[in-house]
Amino acid sequence: MAGQIWIAPDFDELPGDMAEKFWGAGAAAVKVLIDTHLLLLWLSAHPSLSQAASAMMSDPETTVFISAVSLWEIWLKQSLGKLRIPADFEQRIAQESFESLPLTGLLAREVAALPWHHRDPFDRMLVAQARVEKLTFFTADARMAAYGDFMRLVR
């Protein structure tokens, strides 16, 4: 399976009835943080990532951030056998025009201030980062919408 990303069946399945939310025409420059699942779909050019999501994420007016938290989750799931990533995974990320979002103590502290709409520690950290950094958060997880109007459900 060289060169492909394989996701175990229990890795955040995408709900089939999820609605896409995007801004209307003429929207200003957008800064987004994408969740781990969308990052994997993007890097593998997976057909389940909609054309609308791909267009928004590749729009030159959109700055796409990826978090160190997502990379941590990917490497952890890979070490547990729940995810297979190609040998050139790091090069693929480097080839994209992503901005890097580090994990800091201040951001980690923000997790405690979040309501418990979601229990996954990686997802909670990503929500906290998006909130503190004032980024729109693109996620494939409908449960995340409860965190507020900075959340955008995509598939």
N, C-alpha and C. Protein backbone atom coordinates (compact mmCIF):
# COMPACT_ATOMS: atom_id res chain seq x y z
N MET A 1 0.83 -1.18 0.00
CA MET A 1 0.00 0.00 0.00
C MET A 1 0.88 1.25 0.00
N ALA A 2 2.01 1.17 -0.62
CA ALA A 2 2.95 2.28 -0.66
C ALA A 2 2.31 3.51 -1.29
N GLY A 3 2.50 4.65 -0.65
CA GLY A 3 2.01 5.90 -1.19
C GLY A 3 0.58 6.22 -0.84
N GLN A 4 -0.15 5.30 -0.19
CA GLN A 4 -1.55 5.56 0.15
C GLN A 4 -1.71 5.66 1.65
N ILE A 5 -2.75 6.37 2.05
CA ILE A 5 -3.09 6.47 3.46
C ILE A 5 -4.28 5.55 3.70
N TRP A 6 -4.17 4.68 4.65
CA TRP A 6 -5.23 3.77 5.01
C TRP A 6 -5.74 4.14 6.39
N ILE A 7 -7.06 4.22 6.56
CA ILE A 7 -7.67 4.59 7.83
C ILE A 7 -8.47 3.40 8.33
N ALA A 8 -8.23 3.01 9.58
CA ALA A 8 -8.96 1.89 10.16
C ALA A 8 -10.45 2.21 10.23
N PRO A 9 -11.33 1.19 10.19
CA PRO A 9 -12.77 1.43 10.20
C PRO A 9 -13.26 2.23 11.40
N ASP A 10 -12.59 2.14 12.54
CA ASP A 10 -13.06 2.87 13.72
C ASP A 10 -12.48 4.28 13.84
N PHE A 11 -11.85 4.77 12.80
CA PHE A 11 -11.24 6.10 12.85
C PHE A 11 -12.23 7.14 12.35
N ASP A 12 -13.03 7.67 13.28
CA ASP A 12 -13.92 8.80 12.99
C ASP A 12 -14.64 8.69 11.65
N GLU A 13 -15.52 7.72 11.51
CA GLU A 13 -16.29 7.57 10.27
C GLU A 13 -17.05 8.85 9.97
N LEU A 14 -17.14 9.19 8.71
CA LEU A 14 -17.87 10.39 8.31
C LEU A 14 -19.36 10.10 8.23
N PRO A 15 -20.20 10.89 8.93
CA PRO A 15 -21.64 10.70 8.81
C PRO A 15 -22.10 11.03 7.40
N GLY A 16 -22.95 10.21 6.82
CA GLY A 16 -23.40 10.41 5.46
C GLY A 16 -24.35 11.58 5.28
N ASP A 17 -25.05 11.98 6.33
CA ASP A 17 -26.05 13.04 6.20
C ASP A 17 -25.54 14.41 6.62
N MET A 18 -24.21 14.57 6.73
CA MET A 18 -23.65 15.81 7.23
C MET A 18 -23.80 16.95 6.22
N ALA A 19 -24.26 18.08 6.69
CA ALA A 19 -24.44 19.24 5.80
C ALA A 19 -23.13 20.00 5.69
N GLU A 20 -22.89 20.55 4.52
CA GLU A 20 -21.72 21.39 4.32
C GLU A 20 -22.11 22.83 4.56
N LYS A 21 -21.24 23.57 5.22
CA LYS A 21 -21.49 24.99 5.44
C LYS A 21 -20.28 25.76 4.93
N PHE A 22 -20.53 26.70 4.06
CA PHE A 22 -19.46 27.54 3.55
C PHE A 22 -19.96 28.96 3.46
N TRP A 23 -19.07 29.89 3.34
CA TRP A 23 -19.41 31.29 3.19
C TRP A 23 -19.90 31.55 1.78
N GLY A 24 -20.67 32.61 1.64
CA GLY A 24 -21.19 33.00 0.33
C GLY A 24 -20.10 33.66 -0.51
N ALA A 25 -20.47 34.02 -1.72
CA ALA A 25 -19.54 34.68 -2.66
C ALA A 25 -19.06 35.99 -2.07
N GLY A 26 -17.83 36.33 -2.35
CA GLY A 26 -17.28 37.61 -1.91
C GLY A 26 -16.75 37.61 -0.49
N ALA A 27 -16.62 36.45 0.12
CA ALA A 27 -16.11 36.39 1.49
C ALA A 27 -14.66 36.86 1.53
N ALA A 28 -14.29 37.47 2.63
CA ALA A 28 -12.93 37.96 2.82
C ALA A 28 -11.98 36.79 3.03
N ALA A 29 -10.69 37.10 3.08
CA ALA A 29 -9.68 36.07 3.33
C ALA A 29 -10.06 35.29 4.60
N VAL A 30 -9.88 33.99 4.54
CA VAL A 30 -10.31 33.11 5.61
C VAL A 30 -9.11 32.36 6.16
N LYS A 31 -9.06 32.23 7.49
CA LYS A 31 -8.02 31.45 8.15
C LYS A 31 -8.71 30.28 8.83
N VAL A 32 -8.31 29.06 8.42
CA VAL A 32 -8.97 27.88 8.94
C VAL A 32 -7.97 26.90 9.54
N LEU A 33 -8.46 26.17 10.52
CA LEU A 33 -7.75 25.03 11.07
C LEU A 33 -8.54 23.81 10.64
N ILE A 34 -7.87 22.81 10.05
CA ILE A 34 -8.58 21.60 9.63
C ILE A 34 -8.31 20.49 10.63
N ASP A 35 -9.35 19.67 10.84
CA ASP A 35 -9.18 18.58 11.79
C ASP A 35 -8.34 17.46 11.17
N THR A 36 -7.97 16.52 11.98
CA THR A 36 -7.08 15.44 11.57
C THR A 36 -7.65 14.62 10.43
N HIS A 37 -8.93 14.31 10.52
CA HIS A 37 -9.55 13.48 9.48
C HIS A 37 -9.53 14.20 8.14
N LEU A 38 -9.88 15.49 8.13
CA LEU A 38 -9.85 16.24 6.87
C LEU A 38 -8.43 16.35 6.33
N LEU A 39 -7.45 16.48 7.20
CA LEU A 39 -6.06 16.51 6.76
C LEU A 39 -5.71 15.23 6.02
N LEU A 40 -6.08 14.09 6.58
CA LEU A 40 -5.79 12.81 5.94
C LEU A 40 -6.52 12.66 4.62
N LEU A 41 -7.78 13.08 4.58
CA LEU A 41 -8.54 13.02 3.32
C LEU A 41 -7.90 13.90 2.27
N TRP A 42 -7.48 15.10 2.67
CA TRP A 42 -6.86 16.05 1.75
C TRP A 42 -5.57 15.47 1.17
N LEU A 43 -4.70 14.96 2.04
CA LEU A 43 -3.40 14.45 1.60
C LEU A 43 -3.52 13.23 0.69
N SER A 44 -4.59 12.47 0.88
CA SER A 44 -4.76 11.28 0.05
C SER A 44 -5.68 11.53 -1.15
N ALA A 45 -6.13 12.79 -1.32
CA ALA A 45 -7.07 13.14 -2.40
C ALA A 45 -8.24 12.16 -2.41
N HIS A 46 -8.74 11.88 -1.23
CA HIS A 46 -9.81 10.90 -1.06
C HIS A 46 -11.11 11.41 -1.68
N PRO A 47 -11.83 10.55 -2.40
CA PRO A 47 -13.05 10.99 -3.08
C PRO A 47 -14.17 11.42 -2.12
N SER A 48 -14.10 11.04 -0.85
CA SER A 48 -15.16 11.45 0.08
C SER A 48 -15.02 12.91 0.52
N LEU A 49 -13.89 13.54 0.21
CA LEU A 49 -13.74 14.97 0.48
C LEU A 49 -14.42 15.70 -0.67
N SER A 50 -15.47 16.44 -0.34
CA SER A 50 -16.28 17.06 -1.38
C SER A 50 -15.49 18.06 -2.21
N GLN A 51 -15.99 18.33 -3.40
CA GLN A 51 -15.37 19.34 -4.26
C GLN A 51 -15.43 20.71 -3.60
N ALA A 52 -16.52 20.99 -2.90
CA ALA A 52 -16.65 22.28 -2.22
C ALA A 52 -15.59 22.45 -1.14
N ALA A 53 -15.36 21.39 -0.36
CA ALA A 53 -14.33 21.46 0.68
C ALA A 53 -12.95 21.60 0.06
N SER A 54 -12.67 20.83 -0.97
CA SER A 54 -11.38 20.93 -1.65
C SER A 54 -11.15 22.32 -2.21
N ALA A 55 -12.20 22.88 -2.82
CA ALA A 55 -12.08 24.22 -3.40
C ALA A 55 -11.81 25.26 -2.33
N MET A 56 -12.51 25.18 -1.22
CA MET A 56 -12.32 26.15 -0.14
C MET A 56 -10.92 26.03 0.45
N MET A 57 -10.45 24.80 0.64
CA MET A 57 -9.15 24.59 1.26
C MET A 57 -8.01 24.94 0.31
N SER A 58 -8.24 24.92 -0.99
CA SER A 58 -7.18 25.25 -1.93
C SER A 58 -7.30 26.68 -2.46
N ASP A 59 -8.30 27.41 -2.02
CA ASP A 59 -8.49 28.80 -2.43
C ASP A 59 -7.31 29.64 -1.94
N PRO A 60 -6.70 30.45 -2.81
CA PRO A 60 -5.57 31.27 -2.38
C PRO A 60 -5.95 32.29 -1.30
N GLU A 61 -7.23 32.58 -1.16
CA GLU A 61 -7.69 33.50 -0.11
C GLU A 61 -7.84 32.80 1.24
N THR A 62 -7.65 31.49 1.26
CA THR A 62 -7.78 30.72 2.49
C THR A 62 -6.41 30.31 2.99
N THR A 63 -6.11 30.64 4.23
CA THR A 63 -4.89 30.16 4.88
C THR A 63 -5.28 28.95 5.70
N VAL A 64 -4.70 27.81 5.38
CA VAL A 64 -5.02 26.55 6.06
C VAL A 64 -3.93 26.24 7.08
N PHE A 65 -4.35 26.09 8.32
CA PHE A 65 -3.44 25.72 9.40
C PHE A 65 -3.61 24.25 9.72
N ILE A 66 -2.50 23.60 10.04
CA ILE A 66 -2.57 22.26 10.62
C ILE A 66 -1.86 22.34 11.96
N SER A 67 -2.40 21.60 12.88
CA SER A 67 -1.91 21.65 14.25
C SER A 67 -0.92 20.52 14.54
N ALA A 68 0.01 20.82 15.42
CA ALA A 68 0.90 19.78 15.93
C ALA A 68 0.09 18.68 16.60
N VAL A 69 -1.09 19.03 17.10
CA VAL A 69 -1.97 18.05 17.72
C VAL A 69 -2.41 16.99 16.69
N SER A 70 -2.73 17.42 15.48
CA SER A 70 -3.13 16.47 14.44
C SER A 70 -1.98 15.54 14.09
N LEU A 71 -0.79 16.09 13.99
CA LEU A 71 0.37 15.24 13.68
C LEU A 71 0.64 14.26 14.81
N TRP A 72 0.48 14.71 16.04
CA TRP A 72 0.62 13.84 17.21
C TRP A 72 -0.39 12.70 17.11
N GLU A 73 -1.66 13.04 16.81
CA GLU A 73 -2.69 12.02 16.69
C GLU A 73 -2.39 11.03 15.57
N ILE A 74 -1.94 11.53 14.44
CA ILE A 74 -1.62 10.66 13.30
C ILE A 74 -0.51 9.68 13.66
N TRP A 75 0.57 10.19 14.26
CA TRP A 75 1.69 9.31 14.60
C TRP A 75 1.29 8.31 15.69
N LEU A 76 0.46 8.73 16.63
CA LEU A 76 0.00 7.83 17.68
C LEU A 76 -0.87 6.72 17.09
N LYS A 77 -1.84 7.08 16.25
CA LYS A 77 -2.71 6.07 15.63
C LYS A 77 -1.91 5.14 14.71
N GLN A 78 -0.90 5.70 14.05
CA GLN A 78 -0.04 4.86 13.21
C GLN A 78 0.70 3.84 14.08
N SER A 79 1.19 4.27 15.23
CA SER A 79 1.93 3.35 16.11
C SER A 79 1.03 2.29 16.72
N LEU A 80 -0.28 2.56 16.82
CA LEU A 80 -1.25 1.60 17.36
C LEU A 80 -1.81 0.68 16.29
N GLY A 81 -1.44 0.92 15.03
CA GLY A 81 -1.94 0.10 13.94
C GLY A 81 -3.32 0.51 13.43
N LYS A 82 -3.83 1.65 13.85
CA LYS A 82 -5.14 2.13 13.40
C LYS A 82 -5.04 2.99 12.15
N LEU A 83 -3.84 3.27 11.73
CA LEU A 83 -3.64 4.15 10.59
C LEU A 83 -2.34 3.75 9.90
N ARG A 84 -2.39 3.66 8.60
CA ARG A 84 -1.17 3.42 7.83
C ARG A 84 -0.91 4.64 6.98
N ILE A 85 0.29 5.14 7.06
CA ILE A 85 0.67 6.31 6.27
C ILE A 85 1.88 5.95 5.42
N PRO A 86 1.99 6.58 4.26
CA PRO A 86 3.11 6.25 3.38
C PRO A 86 4.44 6.77 3.94
N ALA A 87 5.51 6.21 3.45
CA ALA A 87 6.85 6.62 3.89
C ALA A 87 7.11 8.09 3.61
N ASP A 88 6.48 8.63 2.56
CA ASP A 88 6.71 10.04 2.21
C ASP A 88 5.69 10.99 2.84
N PHE A 89 5.04 10.56 3.91
CA PHE A 89 4.01 11.37 4.57
C PHE A 89 4.50 12.77 4.93
N GLU A 90 5.64 12.85 5.57
CA GLU A 90 6.16 14.17 5.98
C GLU A 90 6.48 15.05 4.77
N GLN A 91 6.96 14.45 3.70
CA GLN A 91 7.23 15.23 2.48
C GLN A 91 5.93 15.75 1.88
N ARG A 92 4.87 14.94 1.93
CA ARG A 92 3.57 15.39 1.41
C ARG A 92 3.08 16.62 2.16
N ILE A 93 3.21 16.58 3.47
CA ILE A 93 2.78 17.74 4.27
C ILE A 93 3.64 18.95 3.93
N ALA A 94 4.94 18.75 3.79
CA ALA A 94 5.85 19.86 3.49
C ALA A 94 5.54 20.48 2.12
N GLN A 95 5.02 19.69 1.19
CA GLN A 95 4.72 20.20 -0.14
C GLN A 95 3.47 21.07 -0.18
N GLU A 96 2.63 20.96 0.83
CA GLU A 96 1.41 21.75 0.90
C GLU A 96 1.74 23.14 1.43
N SER A 97 0.82 24.06 1.23
CA SER A 97 1.05 25.43 1.71
C SER A 97 0.41 25.65 3.08
N PHE A 98 0.44 24.62 3.92
CA PHE A 98 -0.13 24.72 5.25
C PHE A 98 0.71 25.62 6.14
N GLU A 99 0.03 26.30 7.04
CA GLU A 99 0.70 27.02 8.12
C GLU A 99 0.69 26.09 9.33
N SER A 100 1.75 26.12 10.09
CA SER A 100 1.88 25.25 11.25
C SER A 100 1.33 25.94 12.50
N LEU A 101 0.61 25.18 13.31
CA LEU A 101 0.08 25.70 14.57
C LEU A 101 0.65 24.85 15.70
N PRO A 102 1.55 25.42 16.49
CA PRO A 102 2.17 24.64 17.56
C PRO A 102 1.24 24.46 18.76
N LEU A 103 1.54 23.49 19.57
CA LEU A 103 0.84 23.27 20.83
C LEU A 103 1.60 24.02 21.92
N THR A 104 0.94 24.91 22.60
CA THR A 104 1.57 25.67 23.67
C THR A 104 0.85 25.40 24.98
N GLY A 105 1.49 25.77 26.07
CA GLY A 105 0.87 25.61 27.39
C GLY A 105 -0.42 26.41 27.50
N LEU A 106 -0.43 27.62 26.97
CA LEU A 106 -1.63 28.46 27.02
C LEU A 106 -2.78 27.78 26.28
N LEU A 107 -2.49 27.21 25.12
CA LEU A 107 -3.53 26.53 24.37
C LEU A 107 -3.99 25.27 25.09
N ALA A 108 -3.07 24.54 25.68
CA ALA A 108 -3.43 23.34 26.43
C ALA A 108 -4.33 23.69 27.61
N ARG A 109 -4.06 24.80 28.27
CA ARG A 109 -4.87 25.25 29.40
C ARG A 109 -6.30 25.58 28.97
N GLU A 110 -6.47 26.07 27.75
CA GLU A 110 -7.78 26.47 27.24
C GLU A 110 -8.74 25.28 27.15
N VAL A 111 -8.22 24.07 27.04
CA VAL A 111 -9.08 22.88 26.95
C VAL A 111 -9.98 22.78 28.17
N ALA A 112 -9.47 23.14 29.33
CA ALA A 112 -10.26 23.04 30.57
C ALA A 112 -11.46 23.99 30.56
N ALA A 113 -11.41 25.05 29.77
CA ALA A 113 -12.50 26.01 29.71
C ALA A 113 -13.61 25.58 28.74
N LEU A 114 -13.37 24.53 27.96
CA LEU A 114 -14.37 24.09 26.99
C LEU A 114 -15.47 23.29 27.66
N PRO A 115 -16.71 23.49 27.21
CA PRO A 115 -17.78 22.59 27.66
C PRO A 115 -17.52 21.18 27.13
N TRP A 116 -18.12 20.19 27.75
CA TRP A 116 -17.86 18.80 27.40
C TRP A 116 -18.80 18.28 26.33
N HIS A 117 -18.89 18.99 25.21
CA HIS A 117 -19.70 18.53 24.08
C HIS A 117 -19.05 17.33 23.41
N HIS A 118 -17.76 17.20 23.57
CA HIS A 118 -17.00 16.16 22.89
C HIS A 118 -15.95 15.63 23.86
N ARG A 119 -15.69 14.34 23.84
CA ARG A 119 -14.77 13.72 24.81
C ARG A 119 -13.37 13.44 24.25
N ASP A 120 -13.21 13.41 22.93
CA ASP A 120 -11.91 13.07 22.35
C ASP A 120 -10.89 14.16 22.68
N PRO A 121 -9.79 13.80 23.35
CA PRO A 121 -8.82 14.83 23.77
C PRO A 121 -8.16 15.55 22.60
N PHE A 122 -7.93 14.87 21.49
CA PHE A 122 -7.32 15.53 20.33
C PHE A 122 -8.29 16.55 19.74
N ASP A 123 -9.54 16.16 19.58
CA ASP A 123 -10.52 17.08 19.03
C ASP A 123 -10.74 18.28 19.95
N ARG A 124 -10.77 18.04 21.23
CA ARG A 124 -10.94 19.16 22.19
C ARG A 124 -9.76 20.13 22.09
N MET A 125 -8.57 19.60 21.94
CA MET A 125 -7.40 20.47 21.82
C MET A 125 -7.48 21.30 20.54
N LEU A 126 -7.91 20.69 19.44
CA LEU A 126 -8.05 21.42 18.18
C LEU A 126 -9.10 22.52 18.30
N VAL A 127 -10.20 22.23 18.97
CA VAL A 127 -11.24 23.25 19.18
C VAL A 127 -10.67 24.41 19.99
N ALA A 128 -9.94 24.09 21.05
CA ALA A 128 -9.33 25.14 21.88
C ALA A 128 -8.37 25.99 21.06
N GLN A 129 -7.56 25.35 20.24
CA GLN A 129 -6.63 26.10 19.40
C GLN A 129 -7.37 27.03 18.45
N ALA A 130 -8.39 26.52 17.79
CA ALA A 130 -9.15 27.36 16.85
C ALA A 130 -9.78 28.53 17.58
N ARG A 131 -10.31 28.28 18.75
CA ARG A 131 -10.97 29.35 19.52
C ARG A 131 -9.98 30.43 19.94
N VAL A 132 -8.87 30.02 20.51
CA VAL A 132 -7.87 30.99 20.98
C VAL A 132 -7.26 31.77 19.82
N GLU A 133 -6.95 31.09 18.73
CA GLU A 133 -6.30 31.72 17.59
C GLU A 133 -7.28 32.41 16.64
N LYS A 134 -8.58 32.34 16.98
CA LYS A 134 -9.64 32.96 16.16
C LYS A 134 -9.63 32.45 14.72
N LEU A 135 -9.57 31.12 14.61
CA LEU A 135 -9.59 30.45 13.31
C LEU A 135 -10.94 29.77 13.13
N THR A 136 -11.39 29.68 11.90
CA THR A 136 -12.55 28.86 11.59
C THR A 136 -12.09 27.42 11.59
N PHE A 137 -12.85 26.55 12.23
CA PHE A 137 -12.45 25.15 12.37
C PHE A 137 -13.26 24.29 11.41
N PHE A 138 -12.59 23.66 10.45
CA PHE A 138 -13.21 22.74 9.51
C PHE A 138 -13.14 21.35 10.11
N THR A 139 -14.27 20.70 10.23
CA THR A 139 -14.32 19.37 10.81
C THR A 139 -15.35 18.52 10.08
N ALA A 140 -15.14 17.23 10.13
CA ALA A 140 -16.09 16.28 9.56
C ALA A 140 -16.98 15.69 10.65
N ASP A 141 -16.82 16.14 11.88
CA ASP A 141 -17.53 15.58 13.03
C ASP A 141 -18.69 16.50 13.41
N ALA A 142 -19.92 16.07 13.17
CA ALA A 142 -21.10 16.88 13.43
C ALA A 142 -21.25 17.25 14.91
N ARG A 143 -20.70 16.44 15.81
CA ARG A 143 -20.80 16.73 17.24
C ARG A 143 -20.06 18.02 17.62
N MET A 144 -19.12 18.43 16.78
CA MET A 144 -18.30 19.60 17.09
C MET A 144 -19.06 20.92 16.90
N ALA A 145 -20.16 20.89 16.16
CA ALA A 145 -20.92 22.12 15.89
C ALA A 145 -21.37 22.80 17.17
N ALA A 146 -21.54 22.05 18.24
CA ALA A 146 -22.00 22.60 19.51
C ALA A 146 -21.02 23.61 20.10
N TYR A 147 -19.80 23.64 19.63
CA TYR A 147 -18.81 24.57 20.19
C TYR A 147 -18.96 26.00 19.69
N GLY A 148 -19.74 26.24 18.68
CA GLY A 148 -19.98 27.63 18.31
C GLY A 148 -19.93 27.93 16.83
N ASP A 149 -20.05 29.20 16.54
CA ASP A 149 -20.17 29.62 15.15
C ASP A 149 -18.86 29.64 14.39
N PHE A 150 -17.75 29.33 15.05
CA PHE A 150 -16.46 29.24 14.34
C PHE A 150 -16.25 27.83 13.77
N MET A 151 -17.22 26.94 14.00
CA MET A 151 -17.13 25.58 13.50
C MET A 151 -17.81 25.50 12.14
N ARG A 152 -17.19 24.76 11.19
CA ARG A 152 -17.78 24.52 9.87
C ARG A 152 -17.73 23.03 9.60
N LEU A 153 -18.90 22.45 9.37
CA LEU A 153 -18.97 21.02 9.07
C LEU A 153 -18.75 20.82 7.58
N VAL A 154 -17.81 19.97 7.25
CA VAL A 154 -17.50 19.67 5.86
C VAL A 154 -17.33 18.18 5.72
N ARG A 155 -17.38 17.74 4.49
CA ARG A 155 -17.08 16.33 4.21
C ARG A 155 -16.35 16.24 2.93
